[in-house]
Amino acid sequence: MKRTATAAPVPVKSASRRAAPPAAPVSEVPAERLLEAAVSLFAQHGFDAVSTGAVAAAAGLTQSMVHYHFGTKEKLWKAAVEHLMHVRGNMFSLNLEDLRDVDDLSRLKVMLRRFISANAADPDLTRILIHEGMNDSPRLKWLAKRYMIRGYATFNAAIESAIKSGVVRRLPVRDVTNIIVGACVLTFTLSRLLKEVYGELPTSADAVSSLSDTLLEVLFKGLEAKSRP
């Protein structure tokens, strides 16, 4: 990412006054604003309907700043997705080292709760995927190869491990993963609709906790292997 020249420091008026902490580099501030605006707009309207001018306006910047930092709309889109995935990675990490000593069924349940919380906090990734999936775009292929395949593989591995240990019924792993992913993301993707239906958003802490509990109850009562007499 390119950097602009750093502004000259402002002289301190008094020698006894403590210097202010150093500010973030000037070039990173507008870039961050552009990325946040781009994620929101691409999630709402899709790639084709969003112009670099619209992103700049939403960020309170000029269009030239978009071209300066990202060059093209395609590069801006990829940078926005990478920014989004970095934020999501802090909420739902694919590194399950902290669950290494947890039994297979409990590990799967914890993963599901974390996944629900991540999507409740930010459903924009799913909305972007829906837009791209409607057109089978090259961007979708890039996103799948770079991020999604690994994410699905993590759930697949956890389900396969639970099947092998006998705590989950022997069902098609891919189908189980798709059911889990669909159940975890669709509620929050349709949050505005659900507000019209029920009069409240499904993203409050109580609503997210209730959905997690209900999904675990419904899903795992059907998945858990019957104990042998």
Protein backbone atom coordinates (compact mmCIF):
# COMPACT_ATOMS: atom_id res chain seq x y z
CA MET A 1 0.00 0.00 0.00
CA LYS A 2 1.38 3.40 -0.90
CA ARG A 3 2.17 6.00 1.73
CA THR A 4 1.78 9.73 1.62
CA ALA A 5 4.44 12.09 2.90
CA THR A 6 4.27 12.58 6.66
CA ALA A 7 3.13 16.03 7.74
CA ALA A 8 5.71 18.18 9.52
CA PRO A 9 5.42 17.91 13.30
CA VAL A 10 3.67 20.74 15.12
CA PRO A 11 6.08 22.56 17.51
CA VAL A 12 5.37 22.06 21.19
CA LYS A 13 4.27 25.38 22.71
CA SER A 14 5.60 24.66 26.16
CA ALA A 15 8.72 22.72 27.07
CA SER A 16 7.06 21.53 30.29
CA ARG A 17 4.04 20.05 28.47
CA ARG A 18 4.22 16.31 27.92
CA ALA A 19 4.31 15.38 24.26
CA ALA A 20 1.18 13.72 22.88
CA PRO A 21 1.46 10.02 21.92
CA PRO A 22 2.39 9.49 18.27
CA ALA A 23 -0.58 9.41 15.92
CA ALA A 24 -1.24 6.58 13.48
CA PRO A 25 0.41 7.07 10.08
CA VAL A 26 -1.68 9.45 8.02
CA SER A 27 -1.91 7.10 5.01
CA GLU A 28 -3.42 4.28 7.10
CA VAL A 29 -6.36 6.31 8.35
CA PRO A 30 -8.08 6.96 5.00
CA ALA A 31 -7.27 3.44 3.81
CA GLU A 32 -9.02 2.00 6.84
CA ARG A 33 -12.03 4.21 6.28
CA LEU A 34 -12.20 3.18 2.63
CA LEU A 35 -12.04 -0.51 3.52
CA GLU A 36 -14.83 -0.22 6.08
CA ALA A 37 -17.01 1.67 3.62
CA ALA A 38 -16.24 -0.82 0.85
CA VAL A 39 -17.19 -3.83 2.98
CA SER A 40 -20.51 -2.26 3.88
CA LEU A 41 -21.39 -1.21 0.33
CA PHE A 42 -20.29 -4.44 -1.35
CA ALA A 43 -22.32 -6.39 1.21
CA GLN A 44 -25.42 -4.27 0.60
CA HIS A 45 -25.31 -3.86 -3.17
CA GLY A 46 -22.80 -6.28 -4.68
CA PHE A 47 -19.69 -5.59 -6.70
CA ASP A 48 -21.24 -4.35 -9.94
CA ALA A 49 -23.56 -1.80 -8.34
CA VAL A 50 -20.84 -0.09 -6.28
CA SER A 51 -18.52 2.51 -7.77
CA THR A 52 -15.24 3.69 -6.34
CA GLY A 53 -16.82 7.13 -6.12
CA ALA A 54 -19.58 5.73 -3.91
CA VAL A 55 -17.02 4.10 -1.63
CA ALA A 56 -15.06 7.34 -1.38
CA ALA A 57 -18.20 9.33 -0.61
CA ALA A 58 -19.25 6.85 2.11
CA ALA A 59 -15.78 7.18 3.65
CA GLY A 60 -15.89 10.97 3.43
CA LEU A 61 -12.94 11.02 1.03
CA THR A 62 -12.26 11.82 -2.60
CA GLN A 63 -12.33 9.21 -5.36
CA SER A 64 -8.65 9.83 -6.05
CA MET A 65 -7.87 8.37 -2.62
CA VAL A 66 -9.39 5.05 -3.69
CA HIS A 67 -7.17 4.89 -6.76
CA TYR A 68 -4.15 6.03 -4.77
CA HIS A 69 -4.48 3.31 -2.14
CA PHE A 70 -5.99 0.45 -4.14
CA GLY A 71 -5.69 1.20 -7.84
CA THR A 72 -8.81 -0.51 -9.21
CA LYS A 73 -12.23 -1.49 -7.90
CA GLU A 74 -11.27 -5.16 -8.20
CA LYS A 75 -8.23 -4.62 -5.96
CA LEU A 76 -10.37 -2.59 -3.54
CA TRP A 77 -12.87 -5.47 -3.34
CA LYS A 78 -10.15 -8.00 -2.57
CA ALA A 79 -8.57 -5.71 0.01
CA ALA A 80 -11.99 -5.19 1.61
CA VAL A 81 -12.60 -8.94 1.81
CA GLU A 82 -9.14 -9.51 3.29
CA HIS A 83 -9.84 -6.79 5.84
CA LEU A 84 -13.18 -8.40 6.69
CA MET A 85 -11.64 -11.86 7.03
CA HIS A 86 -8.93 -10.51 9.30
CA VAL A 87 -11.56 -9.04 11.61
CA ARG A 88 -13.60 -12.25 11.52
CA GLY A 89 -10.49 -14.29 12.25
CA ASN A 90 -10.28 -12.54 15.60
CA MET A 91 -13.85 -13.66 16.35
CA PHE A 92 -13.79 -17.15 14.82
CA SER A 93 -10.30 -18.53 14.52
CA LEU A 94 -9.66 -21.72 12.57
CA ASN A 95 -6.84 -22.44 14.98
CA LEU A 96 -8.49 -24.85 17.43
CA GLU A 97 -5.43 -25.44 19.57
CA ASP A 98 -7.35 -24.30 22.66
CA LEU A 99 -9.83 -27.13 22.04
CA ARG A 100 -7.20 -29.83 21.58
CA ASP A 101 -7.99 -31.56 24.89
CA VAL A 102 -11.78 -31.25 24.54
CA ASP A 103 -13.84 -34.30 23.56
CA ASP A 104 -15.07 -34.42 19.96
CA LEU A 105 -18.72 -33.60 20.62
CA SER A 106 -17.93 -30.68 22.94
CA ARG A 107 -15.41 -29.34 20.42
CA LEU A 108 -18.04 -29.33 17.70
CA LYS A 109 -20.53 -27.56 19.95
CA VAL A 110 -18.02 -24.88 20.93
CA MET A 111 -17.14 -24.32 17.26
CA LEU A 112 -20.82 -23.88 16.44
CA ARG A 113 -21.35 -21.33 19.23
CA ARG A 114 -18.29 -19.36 18.12
CA PHE A 115 -19.44 -19.46 14.51
CA ILE A 116 -22.89 -18.16 15.43
CA SER A 117 -21.38 -15.32 17.47
CA ALA A 118 -19.06 -14.33 14.61
CA ASN A 119 -21.93 -14.15 12.13
CA ALA A 120 -24.15 -12.28 14.56
CA ALA A 121 -21.42 -9.69 15.06
CA ASP A 122 -20.85 -9.22 11.33
CA PRO A 123 -23.06 -10.83 8.64
CA ASP A 124 -21.41 -8.89 5.79
CA LEU A 125 -19.29 -11.82 4.61
CA THR A 126 -22.36 -13.95 3.95
CA ARG A 127 -24.04 -11.10 2.11
CA ILE A 128 -20.98 -10.67 -0.10
CA LEU A 129 -20.93 -14.42 -0.78
CA ILE A 130 -24.59 -14.36 -1.78
CA HIS A 131 -24.00 -11.52 -4.24
CA GLU A 132 -20.99 -13.24 -5.79
CA GLY A 133 -22.61 -16.68 -5.80
CA MET A 134 -25.51 -15.43 -7.87
CA ASN A 135 -23.15 -14.81 -10.78
CA ASP A 136 -20.51 -17.51 -10.19
CA SER A 137 -17.95 -14.74 -10.43
CA PRO A 138 -14.14 -15.02 -10.55
CA ARG A 139 -14.19 -13.16 -7.25
CA LEU A 140 -16.22 -15.99 -5.70
CA LYS A 141 -13.65 -18.53 -6.90
CA TRP A 142 -10.86 -16.40 -5.42
CA LEU A 143 -12.69 -16.09 -2.11
CA ALA A 144 -13.46 -19.80 -1.95
CA LYS A 145 -9.89 -20.82 -2.70
CA ARG A 146 -8.35 -18.28 -0.35
CA TYR A 147 -10.68 -18.64 2.63
CA MET A 148 -13.83 -20.73 2.37
CA ILE A 149 -12.38 -24.14 1.49
CA ARG A 150 -10.23 -24.08 4.61
CA GLY A 151 -13.18 -23.05 6.77
CA TYR A 152 -15.41 -25.82 5.47
CA ALA A 153 -12.56 -28.32 5.86
CA THR A 154 -12.26 -27.38 9.54
CA PHE A 155 -15.90 -28.24 10.18
CA ASN A 156 -15.63 -31.39 8.05
CA ALA A 157 -12.64 -32.59 10.08
CA ALA A 158 -14.40 -31.94 13.38
CA ILE A 159 -17.50 -33.85 12.23
CA GLU A 160 -15.45 -36.75 10.86
CA SER A 161 -13.56 -37.00 14.15
CA ALA A 162 -16.84 -37.06 16.09
CA ILE A 163 -18.19 -39.81 13.81
CA LYS A 164 -15.05 -41.91 14.23
CA SER A 165 -15.21 -41.60 18.01
CA GLY A 166 -18.83 -42.77 17.92
CA VAL A 167 -20.44 -39.67 19.46
CA VAL A 168 -22.09 -38.54 16.22
CA ARG A 169 -24.16 -40.64 13.84
CA ARG A 170 -22.58 -41.73 10.58
CA LEU A 171 -24.11 -39.20 8.18
CA PRO A 172 -22.69 -37.57 5.03
CA VAL A 173 -20.12 -35.14 6.43
CA ARG A 174 -20.62 -32.56 3.69
CA ASP A 175 -24.36 -32.47 4.32
CA VAL A 176 -23.90 -31.99 8.05
CA THR A 177 -21.42 -29.16 7.49
CA ASN A 178 -23.75 -27.43 5.02
CA ILE A 179 -26.66 -27.66 7.47
CA ILE A 180 -24.54 -26.19 10.26
CA VAL A 181 -23.20 -23.36 8.11
CA GLY A 182 -26.63 -22.53 6.70
CA ALA A 183 -28.28 -22.50 10.11
CA CYS A 184 -25.55 -20.33 11.60
CA VAL A 185 -25.46 -17.64 8.92
CA LEU A 186 -28.93 -17.29 7.41
CA THR A 187 -30.62 -15.85 10.49
CA PHE A 188 -28.22 -12.91 10.59
CA THR A 189 -28.16 -12.38 6.84
CA LEU A 190 -31.94 -11.92 7.05
CA SER A 191 -31.80 -9.86 10.23
CA ARG A 192 -33.65 -6.89 8.71
CA LEU A 193 -36.47 -9.13 7.52
CA LEU A 194 -36.69 -10.85 10.90
CA LYS A 195 -36.98 -7.48 12.58
CA GLU A 196 -40.07 -6.78 10.46
CA VAL A 197 -41.46 -10.23 11.30
CA TYR A 198 -40.72 -10.32 15.03
CA GLY A 199 -40.23 -6.65 15.87
CA GLU A 200 -36.62 -7.04 16.99
CA LEU A 201 -33.21 -7.86 15.57
CA PRO A 202 -31.79 -11.35 16.20
CA THR A 203 -28.38 -9.91 17.06
CA SER A 204 -28.80 -8.99 20.74
CA ALA A 205 -26.75 -11.01 23.22
CA ASP A 206 -29.88 -12.76 24.51
CA ALA A 207 -31.11 -13.58 20.99
CA VAL A 208 -27.73 -14.97 19.93
CA SER A 209 -27.51 -17.09 23.07
CA SER A 210 -31.04 -18.38 22.54
CA LEU A 211 -30.31 -19.29 18.92
CA SER A 212 -27.13 -21.12 19.94
CA ASP A 213 -28.95 -23.10 22.63
CA THR A 214 -31.87 -23.95 20.36
CA LEU A 215 -29.71 -24.94 17.41
CA LEU A 216 -27.55 -27.17 19.60
CA GLU A 217 -30.65 -28.82 21.03
CA VAL A 218 -32.34 -29.38 17.67
CA LEU A 219 -29.23 -30.28 15.67
CA PHE A 220 -27.36 -32.45 18.12
CA LYS A 221 -30.36 -34.41 19.32
CA GLY A 222 -30.54 -35.60 15.73
CA LEU A 223 -26.79 -36.06 15.37
CA GLU A 224 -25.84 -37.74 18.61
CA ALA A 225 -25.39 -41.47 18.34
CA LYS A 226 -27.84 -43.55 20.34
CA SER A 227 -26.16 -45.06 23.37
CA ARG A 228 -25.96 -48.81 23.21
CA PRO A 229 -27.59 -50.82 26.00
